[in-house]
């Protein structure tokens, strides 16, 4: 099974080697037939503390790093594309 890759915006970088990423998805509501926005926050591992609030990053699934971290931030080049 391939690892999921999500794109989102960094909302917090206060913790050491951790960033909080807000991932927003849009989908059509099954009954109302209008576009609905839904968002979820993920905590991702940032080993070098290189990402700051407002950066757009891509995160990839990984093995559990801590109690809440199951994602790792991809490199800066991948974040810009």
Protein backbone atom coordinates (compact mmCIF):
# COMPACT_ATOMS: atom_id res chain seq x y z
CA UNK A 1 0.00 0.00 0.00
CA UNK A 2 1.54 3.34 -1.01
CA UNK A 3 2.19 6.04 1.54
CA UNK A 4 -0.19 8.99 1.46
CA UNK A 5 1.16 12.45 0.61
CA UNK A 6 -0.82 15.51 1.70
CA UNK A 7 -0.28 19.23 1.13
CA UNK A 8 -1.05 21.88 3.70
CA UNK A 9 0.02 25.03 5.52
CA UNK A 10 2.19 25.16 8.64
CA UNK A 11 0.17 26.65 11.50
CA UNK A 12 2.61 26.12 14.39
CA UNK A 13 6.35 25.54 14.75
CA UNK A 14 6.72 26.05 18.50
CA UNK A 15 7.70 22.48 19.33
CA UNK A 16 11.22 21.20 18.71
CA UNK A 17 11.45 19.17 15.47
CA UNK A 18 7.66 19.28 15.03
CA UNK A 19 5.32 21.37 12.91
CA UNK A 20 1.54 21.39 12.88
CA UNK A 21 0.15 21.28 9.34
CA UNK A 22 -3.42 22.25 8.44
CA UNK A 23 -4.63 20.17 5.49
CA UNK A 24 -7.82 21.33 3.79
CA UNK A 25 -9.88 19.17 1.46
CA UNK A 26 -12.87 20.09 -0.67
CA UNK A 27 -15.67 17.76 -1.67
CA UNK A 28 -19.19 17.91 -3.01
CA UNK A 29 -21.85 17.41 -0.34
CA UNK A 30 -23.95 14.35 -1.21
CA UNK A 31 -27.32 15.98 -0.41
CA UNK A 32 -26.78 19.72 -0.74
CA UNK A 33 -24.67 19.41 -3.93
CA UNK A 34 -22.37 22.24 -2.98
CA UNK A 35 -18.63 22.34 -2.39
CA UNK A 36 -17.78 21.93 1.29
CA UNK A 37 -14.39 22.67 2.87
CA UNK A 38 -13.13 20.35 5.58
CA UNK A 39 -9.82 20.67 7.37
CA UNK A 40 -7.69 18.57 9.70
CA UNK A 41 -4.46 19.21 11.55
CA UNK A 42 -1.53 16.82 11.43
CA UNK A 43 1.67 16.91 13.47
CA UNK A 44 4.71 16.23 11.29
CA UNK A 45 8.38 15.63 12.00
CA UNK A 46 10.69 18.46 10.90
CA UNK A 47 14.20 17.31 11.84
CA UNK A 48 16.02 20.55 10.93
CA UNK A 49 13.39 23.03 12.15
CA UNK A 50 13.48 24.65 8.70
CA UNK A 51 9.75 25.28 8.17
CA UNK A 52 8.02 28.34 9.64
CA UNK A 53 4.40 29.44 10.07
CA UNK A 54 2.71 30.10 6.73
CA UNK A 55 4.91 27.78 4.65
CA UNK A 56 3.17 25.42 2.25
CA UNK A 57 4.56 21.92 2.75
CA UNK A 58 3.93 18.36 1.68
CA UNK A 59 3.84 15.63 4.32
CA UNK A 60 4.18 11.88 3.90
CA UNK A 61 3.07 9.00 6.12
CA UNK A 62 5.74 7.24 8.17
CA UNK A 63 6.14 4.90 11.11
CA UNK A 64 5.10 6.39 14.46
CA UNK A 65 7.75 8.80 15.77
CA UNK A 66 5.95 9.76 18.99
CA UNK A 67 2.49 9.57 20.53
CA UNK A 68 1.00 12.02 18.00
CA UNK A 69 3.50 12.14 15.11
CA UNK A 70 2.86 9.79 12.18
CA UNK A 71 3.93 12.14 9.36
CA UNK A 72 7.22 13.56 8.07
CA UNK A 73 7.71 16.79 6.13
CA UNK A 74 9.17 16.28 2.67
CA UNK A 75 12.14 18.31 1.47
CA UNK A 76 11.93 22.00 0.61
CA UNK A 77 12.08 21.33 -3.16
CA UNK A 78 8.99 19.12 -2.98
CA UNK A 79 7.17 21.72 -0.92
CA UNK A 80 7.53 24.36 -3.63
CA UNK A 81 6.25 22.25 -6.51
